Amino acid sequence: MVLKFERGYFFNIMLFKLLPIALLLFSYVIPIDAIAQSAKPSRQIGPAIDCDSDGQQDDIRMDDDGDGIPDRCLLNQIKPALNRENYDRELKQLQAQSCQKATKIVKNMSYIMCSTNGGKTVVSASEAIVEVGDGVGFWLKSDRVRAIVFFGTGEVVFFNRGVLEAQMSDKEVTTVFTADERQQFERLEKAGVQRILQVFGR
């Protein structure tokens, strides 16, 4: 009887000692499974969009938990589709267009307008100070300004149907702008050509 008591007693003691270990091992099963799920790589949801309202479709939505619902938005992730070489090539093509050129000198300013289709379609217009040649030129594509060249600095600004797309300098191509920069350039895109065309009575 004493022996049975001792065996039962020791059995209960061993069970009491082993139970926390079993519970501890079981508790690790759930976190490991959770870690396996959380280790799923984040993936992009849908096409690039404009999350930060800067006018550029260069932000991407990410799904972090695999449920198909965007959890966050990464800003300025998409590089411009056109790199510097493409911008250079396009500008040369715009400037190489054959056209009928008209020139006027008003005081110390030189104005040039190039047109095709019997003068109906304007492909470029520019204004510059006669003595130094400093000024600005506009090149159009499908009746909208595609590029503005600043003669003094050599910088070129590209637009996509009135929306500022990129600024190209000697060193880099910039696609991120402040609100003031965007407003300034887009205002010039809208009014600059018309100011020159008025000189030619158009």
N, C-alpha and C. Protein backbone atom coordinates (compact mmCIF):
# COMPACT_ATOMS: atom_id res chain seq x y z
N MET A 1 0.84 -1.21 0.00
CA MET A 1 0.00 0.00 0.00
C MET A 1 0.87 1.25 0.00
N VAL A 2 1.95 1.20 0.81
CA VAL A 2 2.89 2.32 0.85
C VAL A 2 3.57 2.47 -0.48
N LEU A 3 3.93 1.31 -1.08
CA LEU A 3 4.60 1.33 -2.37
C LEU A 3 3.71 1.95 -3.44
N LYS A 4 2.42 1.57 -3.42
CA LYS A 4 1.50 2.15 -4.41
C LYS A 4 1.38 3.65 -4.21
N PHE A 5 1.36 4.07 -2.93
CA PHE A 5 1.25 5.50 -2.66
C PHE A 5 2.47 6.25 -3.20
N GLU A 6 3.65 5.62 -2.97
CA GLU A 6 4.87 6.27 -3.41
C GLU A 6 4.92 6.37 -4.93
N ARG A 7 4.50 5.26 -5.61
CA ARG A 7 4.51 5.30 -7.07
C ARG A 7 3.56 6.38 -7.59
N GLY A 8 2.36 6.42 -7.01
CA GLY A 8 1.41 7.44 -7.43
C GLY A 8 1.90 8.84 -7.13
N TYR A 9 2.57 8.93 -6.01
CA TYR A 9 3.09 10.23 -5.62
C TYR A 9 4.17 10.70 -6.58
N PHE A 10 5.11 9.77 -6.85
CA PHE A 10 6.18 10.15 -7.80
C PHE A 10 5.65 10.38 -9.22
N PHE A 11 4.64 9.64 -9.60
CA PHE A 11 4.03 9.83 -10.92
C PHE A 11 3.41 11.22 -11.03
N ASN A 12 2.70 11.63 -9.96
CA ASN A 12 2.10 12.96 -9.95
C ASN A 12 3.15 14.05 -9.98
N ILE A 13 4.27 13.81 -9.24
CA ILE A 13 5.35 14.79 -9.24
C ILE A 13 5.94 14.95 -10.63
N MET A 14 6.20 13.82 -11.32
CA MET A 14 6.78 13.87 -12.67
C MET A 14 5.81 14.54 -13.64
N LEU A 15 4.52 14.21 -13.51
CA LEU A 15 3.52 14.83 -14.38
C LEU A 15 3.47 16.33 -14.15
N PHE A 16 3.56 16.72 -12.88
CA PHE A 16 3.54 18.14 -12.55
C PHE A 16 4.74 18.87 -13.14
N LYS A 17 5.89 18.19 -13.15
CA LYS A 17 7.10 18.80 -13.71
C LYS A 17 7.06 18.85 -15.23
N LEU A 18 6.51 17.81 -15.85
CA LEU A 18 6.49 17.72 -17.31
C LEU A 18 5.41 18.59 -17.94
N LEU A 19 4.35 18.87 -17.21
CA LEU A 19 3.22 19.63 -17.77
C LEU A 19 3.64 21.03 -18.23
N PRO A 20 4.40 21.81 -17.45
CA PRO A 20 4.82 23.14 -17.93
C PRO A 20 5.68 23.07 -19.19
N ILE A 21 6.52 22.00 -19.26
CA ILE A 21 7.36 21.86 -20.45
C ILE A 21 6.51 21.59 -21.67
N ALA A 22 5.48 20.73 -21.51
CA ALA A 22 4.59 20.42 -22.63
C ALA A 22 3.83 21.67 -23.06
N LEU A 23 3.37 22.42 -22.07
CA LEU A 23 2.66 23.66 -22.39
C LEU A 23 3.57 24.66 -23.09
N LEU A 24 4.81 24.69 -22.66
CA LEU A 24 5.76 25.61 -23.27
C LEU A 24 6.02 25.24 -24.73
N LEU A 25 6.20 23.94 -24.97
CA LEU A 25 6.41 23.49 -26.35
C LEU A 25 5.20 23.77 -27.21
N PHE A 26 4.01 23.53 -26.65
CA PHE A 26 2.78 23.79 -27.41
C PHE A 26 2.62 25.27 -27.73
N SER A 27 3.05 26.12 -26.78
CA SER A 27 2.92 27.57 -27.00
C SER A 27 3.80 28.03 -28.14
N TYR A 28 4.86 27.29 -28.45
CA TYR A 28 5.76 27.68 -29.54
C TYR A 28 5.21 27.29 -30.90
N VAL A 29 4.25 26.36 -30.92
CA VAL A 29 3.69 25.92 -32.19
C VAL A 29 2.94 27.05 -32.87
N ILE A 30 2.17 27.81 -32.10
CA ILE A 30 1.35 28.88 -32.67
C ILE A 30 2.21 30.03 -33.19
N PRO A 31 3.17 30.54 -32.38
CA PRO A 31 4.01 31.61 -32.91
C PRO A 31 4.78 31.21 -34.16
N ILE A 32 5.29 29.95 -34.21
CA ILE A 32 6.03 29.53 -35.40
C ILE A 32 5.13 29.55 -36.61
N ASP A 33 3.88 29.11 -36.44
CA ASP A 33 2.93 29.16 -37.56
C ASP A 33 2.62 30.58 -37.95
N ALA A 34 2.49 31.43 -36.92
CA ALA A 34 2.21 32.85 -37.21
C ALA A 34 3.37 33.48 -37.94
N ILE A 35 4.60 33.09 -37.53
CA ILE A 35 5.79 33.64 -38.20
C ILE A 35 5.82 33.18 -39.65
N ALA A 36 5.44 31.93 -39.89
CA ALA A 36 5.43 31.42 -41.25
C ALA A 36 4.48 32.21 -42.13
N GLN A 37 3.31 32.60 -41.52
CA GLN A 37 2.36 33.39 -42.30
C GLN A 37 2.86 34.80 -42.52
N SER A 38 3.47 35.39 -41.45
CA SER A 38 3.94 36.76 -41.58
C SER A 38 5.15 36.86 -42.50
N ALA A 39 5.81 35.70 -42.74
CA ALA A 39 6.98 35.72 -43.60
C ALA A 39 6.61 35.79 -45.07
N LYS A 40 5.32 35.74 -45.38
CA LYS A 40 4.90 35.88 -46.77
C LYS A 40 5.38 37.22 -47.31
N PRO A 41 6.00 37.22 -48.47
CA PRO A 41 6.53 38.49 -49.00
C PRO A 41 5.41 39.46 -49.35
N SER A 42 5.65 40.73 -49.08
CA SER A 42 4.70 41.76 -49.47
C SER A 42 4.64 41.82 -50.99
N ARG A 43 3.48 42.13 -51.52
CA ARG A 43 3.35 42.21 -52.97
C ARG A 43 2.56 43.44 -53.36
N GLN A 44 2.82 43.90 -54.56
CA GLN A 44 2.15 45.09 -55.06
C GLN A 44 0.71 44.76 -55.42
N ILE A 45 -0.19 45.67 -55.08
CA ILE A 45 -1.60 45.53 -55.42
C ILE A 45 -1.96 46.55 -56.49
N GLY A 46 -2.35 46.08 -57.66
CA GLY A 46 -2.78 46.97 -58.72
C GLY A 46 -1.64 47.76 -59.34
N PRO A 47 -1.97 48.63 -60.29
CA PRO A 47 -0.94 49.43 -60.96
C PRO A 47 -0.46 50.59 -60.08
N ALA A 48 0.57 51.26 -60.54
CA ALA A 48 1.06 52.44 -59.82
C ALA A 48 -0.01 53.52 -59.82
N ILE A 49 -0.12 54.25 -58.69
CA ILE A 49 -1.12 55.31 -58.57
C ILE A 49 -0.46 56.54 -57.95
N ASP A 50 -1.26 57.56 -57.73
CA ASP A 50 -0.76 58.80 -57.13
C ASP A 50 -1.27 58.87 -55.69
N CYS A 51 -0.50 58.35 -54.74
CA CYS A 51 -0.92 58.34 -53.33
C CYS A 51 -0.73 59.70 -52.66
N ASP A 52 0.29 60.44 -53.07
CA ASP A 52 0.64 61.68 -52.39
C ASP A 52 0.15 62.92 -53.12
N SER A 53 -0.71 62.73 -54.12
CA SER A 53 -1.33 63.86 -54.85
C SER A 53 -0.31 64.83 -55.43
N ASP A 54 0.80 64.27 -55.97
CA ASP A 54 1.80 65.13 -56.59
C ASP A 54 1.67 65.15 -58.11
N GLY A 55 0.59 64.52 -58.61
CA GLY A 55 0.36 64.54 -60.04
C GLY A 55 1.11 63.47 -60.81
N GLN A 56 1.81 62.57 -60.10
CA GLN A 56 2.60 61.55 -60.77
C GLN A 56 2.16 60.16 -60.32
N GLN A 57 1.98 59.28 -61.30
CA GLN A 57 1.58 57.90 -61.00
C GLN A 57 2.83 57.08 -60.68
N ASP A 58 3.48 57.40 -59.55
CA ASP A 58 4.74 56.73 -59.22
C ASP A 58 4.73 56.09 -57.84
N ASP A 59 3.56 55.92 -57.25
CA ASP A 59 3.43 55.30 -55.93
C ASP A 59 2.76 53.93 -56.07
N ILE A 60 3.12 52.99 -55.19
CA ILE A 60 2.55 51.65 -55.30
C ILE A 60 1.94 51.22 -53.96
N ARG A 61 0.81 50.51 -54.04
CA ARG A 61 0.14 49.98 -52.86
C ARG A 61 0.65 48.57 -52.58
N MET A 62 0.89 48.28 -51.30
CA MET A 62 1.47 47.00 -50.92
C MET A 62 0.52 46.20 -50.01
N ASP A 63 0.44 44.90 -50.27
CA ASP A 63 -0.32 43.98 -49.43
C ASP A 63 0.69 43.20 -48.59
N ASP A 64 0.67 43.41 -47.27
CA ASP A 64 1.67 42.80 -46.39
C ASP A 64 1.24 41.47 -45.78
N ASP A 65 -0.07 41.18 -45.77
CA ASP A 65 -0.52 39.97 -45.08
C ASP A 65 -1.21 38.97 -46.00
N GLY A 66 -1.14 39.20 -47.29
CA GLY A 66 -1.66 38.21 -48.25
C GLY A 66 -3.16 38.15 -48.36
N ASP A 67 -3.87 39.17 -47.86
CA ASP A 67 -5.34 39.13 -47.94
C ASP A 67 -5.88 39.85 -49.17
N GLY A 68 -4.98 40.37 -50.01
CA GLY A 68 -5.43 41.03 -51.23
C GLY A 68 -5.87 42.46 -51.04
N ILE A 69 -5.73 43.00 -49.83
CA ILE A 69 -6.13 44.37 -49.52
C ILE A 69 -4.88 45.21 -49.25
N PRO A 70 -4.75 46.36 -49.88
CA PRO A 70 -3.55 47.19 -49.64
C PRO A 70 -3.43 47.60 -48.18
N ASP A 71 -2.23 47.46 -47.62
CA ASP A 71 -1.97 47.84 -46.23
C ASP A 71 -1.19 49.14 -46.12
N ARG A 72 -0.45 49.51 -47.15
CA ARG A 72 0.34 50.74 -47.12
C ARG A 72 0.66 51.17 -48.55
N CYS A 73 1.17 52.38 -48.68
CA CYS A 73 1.53 52.92 -49.99
C CYS A 73 2.96 53.41 -49.95
N LEU A 74 3.78 52.92 -50.86
CA LEU A 74 5.16 53.36 -50.97
C LEU A 74 5.24 54.48 -51.99
N LEU A 75 5.84 55.59 -51.60
CA LEU A 75 5.87 56.78 -52.46
C LEU A 75 7.11 56.83 -53.33
N ASN A 76 6.92 57.40 -54.53
CA ASN A 76 8.02 57.67 -55.47
C ASN A 76 8.84 56.41 -55.75
N GLN A 77 8.14 55.33 -56.08
CA GLN A 77 8.81 54.05 -56.33
C GLN A 77 9.04 53.79 -57.81
N ILE A 78 8.25 54.37 -58.66
CA ILE A 78 8.35 54.09 -60.08
C ILE A 78 9.22 55.14 -60.76
N LYS A 79 10.27 54.69 -61.38
CA LYS A 79 11.13 55.60 -62.12
C LYS A 79 10.43 56.04 -63.40
N PRO A 80 10.75 57.22 -63.92
CA PRO A 80 10.12 57.67 -65.16
C PRO A 80 10.35 56.68 -66.28
N ALA A 81 9.30 56.47 -67.07
CA ALA A 81 9.39 55.49 -68.15
C ALA A 81 10.48 55.87 -69.15
N LEU A 82 10.71 57.15 -69.28
CA LEU A 82 11.73 57.62 -70.20
C LEU A 82 12.98 58.00 -69.42
N ASN A 83 14.12 57.44 -69.77
CA ASN A 83 15.35 57.84 -69.12
C ASN A 83 15.96 59.03 -69.87
N ARG A 84 17.12 59.46 -69.45
CA ARG A 84 17.72 60.65 -70.03
C ARG A 84 17.96 60.51 -71.53
N GLU A 85 18.43 59.34 -71.94
CA GLU A 85 18.69 59.13 -73.36
C GLU A 85 17.42 59.28 -74.18
N ASN A 86 16.31 58.76 -73.65
CA ASN A 86 15.03 58.89 -74.37
C ASN A 86 14.56 60.34 -74.44
N TYR A 87 14.74 61.07 -73.32
CA TYR A 87 14.36 62.48 -73.33
C TYR A 87 15.21 63.26 -74.33
N ASP A 88 16.51 63.00 -74.36
CA ASP A 88 17.39 63.67 -75.32
C ASP A 88 16.95 63.37 -76.75
N ARG A 89 16.65 62.12 -77.00
CA ARG A 89 16.24 61.71 -78.35
C ARG A 89 14.93 62.38 -78.75
N GLU A 90 13.99 62.42 -77.84
CA GLU A 90 12.70 63.03 -78.17
C GLU A 90 12.84 64.53 -78.42
N LEU A 91 13.66 65.20 -77.61
CA LEU A 91 13.85 66.63 -77.81
C LEU A 91 14.48 66.92 -79.17
N LYS A 92 15.44 66.12 -79.57
CA LYS A 92 16.07 66.31 -80.88
C LYS A 92 15.07 66.10 -82.01
N GLN A 93 14.18 65.13 -81.84
CA GLN A 93 13.15 64.89 -82.84
C GLN A 93 12.19 66.08 -82.94
N LEU A 94 11.83 66.63 -81.79
CA LEU A 94 10.95 67.80 -81.79
C LEU A 94 11.61 68.99 -82.47
N GLN A 95 12.88 69.20 -82.18
CA GLN A 95 13.58 70.35 -82.73
C GLN A 95 13.94 70.17 -84.20
N ALA A 96 13.93 68.93 -84.69
CA ALA A 96 14.30 68.66 -86.09
C ALA A 96 13.10 68.70 -87.03
N GLN A 97 11.91 68.97 -86.52
CA GLN A 97 10.72 69.01 -87.37
C GLN A 97 10.86 70.11 -88.44
N SER A 98 10.52 69.76 -89.65
CA SER A 98 10.51 70.77 -90.71
C SER A 98 9.29 71.66 -90.55
N CYS A 99 9.47 72.95 -90.74
CA CYS A 99 8.37 73.88 -90.53
C CYS A 99 8.64 75.19 -91.27
N GLN A 100 7.63 76.00 -91.36
CA GLN A 100 7.76 77.34 -91.91
C GLN A 100 8.04 78.30 -90.77
N LYS A 101 9.17 78.98 -90.86
CA LYS A 101 9.60 79.83 -89.75
C LYS A 101 9.22 81.28 -89.99
N ALA A 102 8.72 81.91 -88.95
CA ALA A 102 8.40 83.34 -88.98
C ALA A 102 9.14 84.00 -87.83
N THR A 103 9.76 85.17 -88.11
CA THR A 103 10.56 85.85 -87.09
C THR A 103 10.13 87.31 -86.96
N LYS A 104 10.11 87.81 -85.74
CA LYS A 104 9.82 89.21 -85.49
C LYS A 104 10.74 89.73 -84.40
N ILE A 105 11.16 90.97 -84.55
CA ILE A 105 11.96 91.65 -83.55
C ILE A 105 11.13 92.79 -82.97
N VAL A 106 10.92 92.75 -81.68
CA VAL A 106 10.18 93.80 -80.99
C VAL A 106 11.06 94.34 -79.88
N LYS A 107 11.52 95.62 -80.09
CA LYS A 107 12.47 96.23 -79.17
C LYS A 107 13.73 95.36 -79.08
N ASN A 108 14.02 94.83 -77.92
CA ASN A 108 15.23 94.00 -77.79
C ASN A 108 14.91 92.51 -77.71
N MET A 109 13.69 92.12 -78.13
CA MET A 109 13.27 90.73 -78.06
C MET A 109 13.09 90.15 -79.46
N SER A 110 13.58 88.93 -79.64
CA SER A 110 13.42 88.20 -80.89
C SER A 110 12.39 87.09 -80.69
N TYR A 111 11.39 87.06 -81.56
CA TYR A 111 10.34 86.05 -81.48
C TYR A 111 10.37 85.18 -82.73
N ILE A 112 10.26 83.86 -82.53
CA ILE A 112 10.24 82.92 -83.64
C ILE A 112 9.06 81.98 -83.47
N MET A 113 8.34 81.76 -84.58
CA MET A 113 7.24 80.79 -84.58
C MET A 113 7.43 79.85 -85.75
N CYS A 114 7.33 78.56 -85.52
CA CYS A 114 7.42 77.55 -86.56
C CYS A 114 6.08 76.83 -86.66
N SER A 115 5.62 76.66 -87.88
CA SER A 115 4.30 76.03 -88.08
C SER A 115 4.32 75.13 -89.31
N THR A 116 3.35 74.24 -89.35
CA THR A 116 3.17 73.35 -90.49
C THR A 116 1.72 73.44 -90.95
N ASN A 117 1.41 72.66 -91.97
CA ASN A 117 0.02 72.59 -92.45
C ASN A 117 -0.49 73.97 -92.85
N GLY A 118 0.38 74.69 -93.59
CA GLY A 118 -0.03 76.02 -94.07
C GLY A 118 -0.18 77.03 -92.95
N GLY A 119 0.58 76.85 -91.89
CA GLY A 119 0.51 77.79 -90.77
C GLY A 119 -0.55 77.48 -89.74
N LYS A 120 -1.30 76.41 -89.95
CA LYS A 120 -2.39 76.08 -89.03
C LYS A 120 -1.89 75.40 -87.75
N THR A 121 -0.82 74.64 -87.87
CA THR A 121 -0.33 73.89 -86.73
C THR A 121 1.01 74.43 -86.26
N VAL A 122 1.05 74.94 -85.04
CA VAL A 122 2.29 75.47 -84.47
C VAL A 122 3.06 74.31 -83.82
N VAL A 123 4.33 74.18 -84.21
CA VAL A 123 5.14 73.11 -83.64
C VAL A 123 6.18 73.64 -82.65
N SER A 124 6.51 74.94 -82.75
CA SER A 124 7.43 75.52 -81.77
C SER A 124 7.29 77.03 -81.77
N ALA A 125 7.66 77.62 -80.66
CA ALA A 125 7.64 79.07 -80.52
C ALA A 125 8.68 79.46 -79.48
N SER A 126 9.36 80.58 -79.71
CA SER A 126 10.40 80.97 -78.76
C SER A 126 10.52 82.48 -78.68
N GLU A 127 11.09 82.94 -77.58
CA GLU A 127 11.40 84.35 -77.39
C GLU A 127 12.75 84.45 -76.70
N ALA A 128 13.56 85.42 -77.13
CA ALA A 128 14.90 85.55 -76.56
C ALA A 128 15.36 87.00 -76.65
N ILE A 129 16.21 87.38 -75.72
CA ILE A 129 16.80 88.72 -75.74
C ILE A 129 17.84 88.76 -76.86
N VAL A 130 17.75 89.75 -77.72
CA VAL A 130 18.58 89.81 -78.92
C VAL A 130 20.06 89.82 -78.57
N GLU A 131 20.47 90.65 -77.63
CA GLU A 131 21.89 90.83 -77.34
C GLU A 131 22.55 89.59 -76.76
N VAL A 132 21.86 88.85 -75.89
CA VAL A 132 22.49 87.73 -75.19
C VAL A 132 21.92 86.37 -75.57
N GLY A 133 20.78 86.36 -76.23
CA GLY A 133 20.19 85.09 -76.64
C GLY A 133 19.49 84.33 -75.55
N ASP A 134 19.42 84.91 -74.35
CA ASP A 134 18.76 84.24 -73.23
C ASP A 134 17.25 84.31 -73.42
N GLY A 135 16.57 83.21 -73.22
CA GLY A 135 15.13 83.19 -73.40
C GLY A 135 14.56 81.82 -73.17
N VAL A 136 13.43 81.54 -73.82
CA VAL A 136 12.73 80.28 -73.61
C VAL A 136 12.11 79.82 -74.92
N GLY A 137 12.13 78.50 -75.13
CA GLY A 137 11.53 77.92 -76.32
C GLY A 137 10.54 76.84 -75.98
N PHE A 138 9.46 76.78 -76.73
CA PHE A 138 8.39 75.81 -76.51
C PHE A 138 8.30 74.88 -77.72
N TRP A 139 8.25 73.58 -77.47
CA TRP A 139 8.07 72.62 -78.54
C TRP A 139 6.78 71.84 -78.27
N LEU A 140 5.93 71.78 -79.29
CA LEU A 140 4.60 71.21 -79.12
C LEU A 140 4.50 69.83 -79.77
N LYS A 141 3.59 69.04 -79.23
CA LYS A 141 3.27 67.72 -79.77
C LYS A 141 1.77 67.51 -79.63
N SER A 142 1.11 67.27 -80.75
CA SER A 142 -0.36 67.11 -80.75
C SER A 142 -1.03 68.34 -80.13
N ASP A 143 -0.54 69.53 -80.54
CA ASP A 143 -1.10 70.82 -80.13
C ASP A 143 -0.95 71.11 -78.64
N ARG A 144 -0.13 70.35 -77.92
CA ARG A 144 0.15 70.64 -76.52
C ARG A 144 1.65 70.77 -76.32
N VAL A 145 2.04 71.61 -75.37
CA VAL A 145 3.46 71.78 -75.09
C VAL A 145 4.02 70.48 -74.53
N ARG A 146 5.03 69.97 -75.20
CA ARG A 146 5.72 68.77 -74.73
C ARG A 146 7.00 69.12 -73.98
N ALA A 147 7.71 70.14 -74.45
CA ALA A 147 8.98 70.50 -73.82
C ALA A 147 9.19 72.00 -73.84
N ILE A 148 9.78 72.50 -72.76
CA ILE A 148 10.19 73.90 -72.67
C ILE A 148 11.70 73.91 -72.42
N VAL A 149 12.42 74.67 -73.25
CA VAL A 149 13.87 74.77 -73.12
C VAL A 149 14.22 76.17 -72.63
N PHE A 150 15.02 76.24 -71.58
CA PHE A 150 15.49 77.52 -71.06
C PHE A 150 16.90 77.74 -71.64
N PHE A 151 17.02 78.70 -72.55
CA PHE A 151 18.25 78.87 -73.30
C PHE A 151 19.44 79.24 -72.40
N GLY A 152 19.19 80.01 -71.35
CA GLY A 152 20.28 80.46 -70.50
C GLY A 152 20.95 79.34 -69.71
N THR A 153 20.16 78.41 -69.21
CA THR A 153 20.70 77.33 -68.37
C THR A 153 20.81 76.00 -69.11
N GLY A 154 20.08 75.88 -70.23
CA GLY A 154 20.07 74.61 -70.95
C GLY A 154 19.12 73.59 -70.37
N GLU A 155 18.41 73.95 -69.32
CA GLU A 155 17.47 73.02 -68.70
C GLU A 155 16.25 72.83 -69.59
N VAL A 156 15.69 71.63 -69.52
CA VAL A 156 14.50 71.28 -70.31
C VAL A 156 13.44 70.72 -69.37
N VAL A 157 12.21 71.18 -69.56
CA VAL A 157 11.10 70.70 -68.75
C VAL A 157 10.10 70.01 -69.67
N PHE A 158 9.67 68.81 -69.30
CA PHE A 158 8.74 68.04 -70.11
C PHE A 158 7.37 67.99 -69.43
N PHE A 159 6.35 67.98 -70.28
CA PHE A 159 4.96 67.95 -69.80
C PHE A 159 4.21 66.81 -70.48
N ASN A 160 3.22 66.31 -69.79
CA ASN A 160 2.32 65.31 -70.35
C ASN A 160 0.91 65.85 -70.30
N ARG A 161 0.48 66.44 -71.43
CA ARG A 161 -0.85 67.05 -71.53
C ARG A 161 -1.08 68.07 -70.41
N GLY A 162 -0.13 68.95 -70.25
CA GLY A 162 -0.27 70.04 -69.29
C GLY A 162 0.23 69.74 -67.89
N VAL A 163 0.55 68.50 -67.62
CA VAL A 163 1.02 68.11 -66.29
C VAL A 163 2.54 67.97 -66.31
N LEU A 164 3.21 68.63 -65.38
CA LEU A 164 4.66 68.58 -65.30
C LEU A 164 5.13 67.14 -65.11
N GLU A 165 6.04 66.70 -66.00
CA GLU A 165 6.49 65.31 -65.98
C GLU A 165 7.93 65.17 -65.49
N ALA A 166 8.84 65.98 -66.01
CA ALA A 166 10.25 65.84 -65.65
C ALA A 166 11.01 67.11 -65.98
N GLN A 167 12.10 67.33 -65.27
CA GLN A 167 13.01 68.43 -65.53
C GLN A 167 14.40 67.84 -65.75
N MET A 168 15.01 68.19 -66.88
CA MET A 168 16.30 67.61 -67.25
C MET A 168 17.37 68.70 -67.26
N SER A 169 18.42 68.47 -66.48
CA SER A 169 19.56 69.38 -66.45
C SER A 169 20.78 68.62 -66.96
N ASP A 170 21.94 69.23 -66.85
CA ASP A 170 23.17 68.56 -67.29
C ASP A 170 23.47 67.33 -66.45
N LYS A 171 23.06 67.33 -65.19
CA LYS A 171 23.45 66.27 -64.27
C LYS A 171 22.39 65.20 -64.06
N GLU A 172 21.10 65.55 -64.12
CA GLU A 172 20.10 64.58 -63.72
C GLU A 172 18.74 64.87 -64.34
N VAL A 173 17.86 63.90 -64.19
CA VAL A 173 16.45 64.04 -64.55
C VAL A 173 15.65 64.00 -63.26
N THR A 174 14.89 65.05 -63.00
CA THR A 174 14.09 65.17 -61.77
C THR A 174 12.62 64.96 -62.09
N THR A 175 11.96 64.16 -61.25
CA THR A 175 10.53 63.93 -61.44
C THR A 175 9.71 64.26 -60.20
N VAL A 176 10.35 64.71 -59.14
CA VAL A 176 9.66 65.08 -57.91
C VAL A 176 9.79 66.58 -57.71
N PHE A 177 8.66 67.27 -57.55
CA PHE A 177 8.64 68.73 -57.49
C PHE A 177 7.81 69.19 -56.30
N THR A 178 8.13 70.39 -55.84
CA THR A 178 7.30 71.02 -54.81
C THR A 178 6.04 71.56 -55.48
N ALA A 179 5.07 71.91 -54.66
CA ALA A 179 3.83 72.47 -55.20
C ALA A 179 4.09 73.79 -55.92
N ASP A 180 5.00 74.60 -55.39
CA ASP A 180 5.32 75.88 -56.03
C ASP A 180 6.01 75.69 -57.38
N GLU A 181 6.94 74.74 -57.44
CA GLU A 181 7.62 74.47 -58.71
C GLU A 181 6.62 73.98 -59.76
N ARG A 182 5.75 73.08 -59.34
CA ARG A 182 4.76 72.55 -60.28
C ARG A 182 3.84 73.67 -60.77
N GLN A 183 3.40 74.52 -59.88
CA GLN A 183 2.51 75.61 -60.27
C GLN A 183 3.20 76.57 -61.23
N GLN A 184 4.45 76.89 -60.96
CA GLN A 184 5.20 77.82 -61.79
C GLN A 184 5.39 77.28 -63.21
N PHE A 185 5.84 76.05 -63.32
CA PHE A 185 6.08 75.46 -64.63
C PHE A 185 4.79 75.26 -65.41
N GLU A 186 3.75 74.78 -64.75
CA GLU A 186 2.50 74.51 -65.45
C GLU A 186 1.80 75.80 -65.86
N ARG A 187 2.01 76.87 -65.12
CA ARG A 187 1.49 78.17 -65.53
C ARG A 187 2.20 78.66 -66.79
N LEU A 188 3.52 78.43 -66.83
CA LEU A 188 4.28 78.81 -68.03
C LEU A 188 3.86 77.98 -69.23
N GLU A 189 3.59 76.71 -69.01
CA GLU A 189 3.14 75.84 -70.10
C GLU A 189 1.84 76.34 -70.71
N LYS A 190 0.95 76.84 -69.89
CA LYS A 190 -0.36 77.28 -70.36
C LYS A 190 -0.30 78.63 -71.07
N ALA A 191 0.51 79.55 -70.54
CA ALA A 191 0.46 80.92 -71.04
C ALA A 191 1.63 81.31 -71.94
N GLY A 192 2.76 80.59 -71.86
CA GLY A 192 3.96 81.01 -72.57
C GLY A 192 3.81 81.06 -74.07
N VAL A 193 3.26 80.02 -74.66
CA VAL A 193 3.11 79.97 -76.12
C VAL A 193 2.15 81.04 -76.60
N GLN A 194 1.06 81.21 -75.89
CA GLN A 194 0.07 82.21 -76.30
C GLN A 194 0.65 83.61 -76.31
N ARG A 195 1.53 83.90 -75.35
CA ARG A 195 2.16 85.22 -75.32
C ARG A 195 3.00 85.46 -76.57
N ILE A 196 3.70 84.43 -77.04
CA ILE A 196 4.51 84.56 -78.25
C ILE A 196 3.63 84.64 -79.49
N LEU A 197 2.60 83.82 -79.54
CA LEU A 197 1.73 83.82 -80.72
C LEU A 197 0.99 85.14 -80.90
N GLN A 198 0.73 85.83 -79.80
CA GLN A 198 0.08 87.15 -79.90
C GLN A 198 0.94 88.14 -80.67
N VAL A 199 2.27 87.98 -80.58
CA VAL A 199 3.18 88.85 -81.34
C VAL A 199 2.96 88.68 -82.83
N PHE A 200 2.57 87.48 -83.25
CA PHE A 200 2.33 87.17 -84.66
C PHE A 200 0.85 87.34 -85.04
N GLY A 201 0.07 87.94 -84.14
CA GLY A 201 -1.33 88.20 -84.44
C GLY A 201 -2.20 86.98 -84.41
N ARG A 202 -1.86 86.02 -83.59
CA ARG A 202 -2.65 84.79 -83.53
C ARG A 202 -3.30 84.64 -82.16
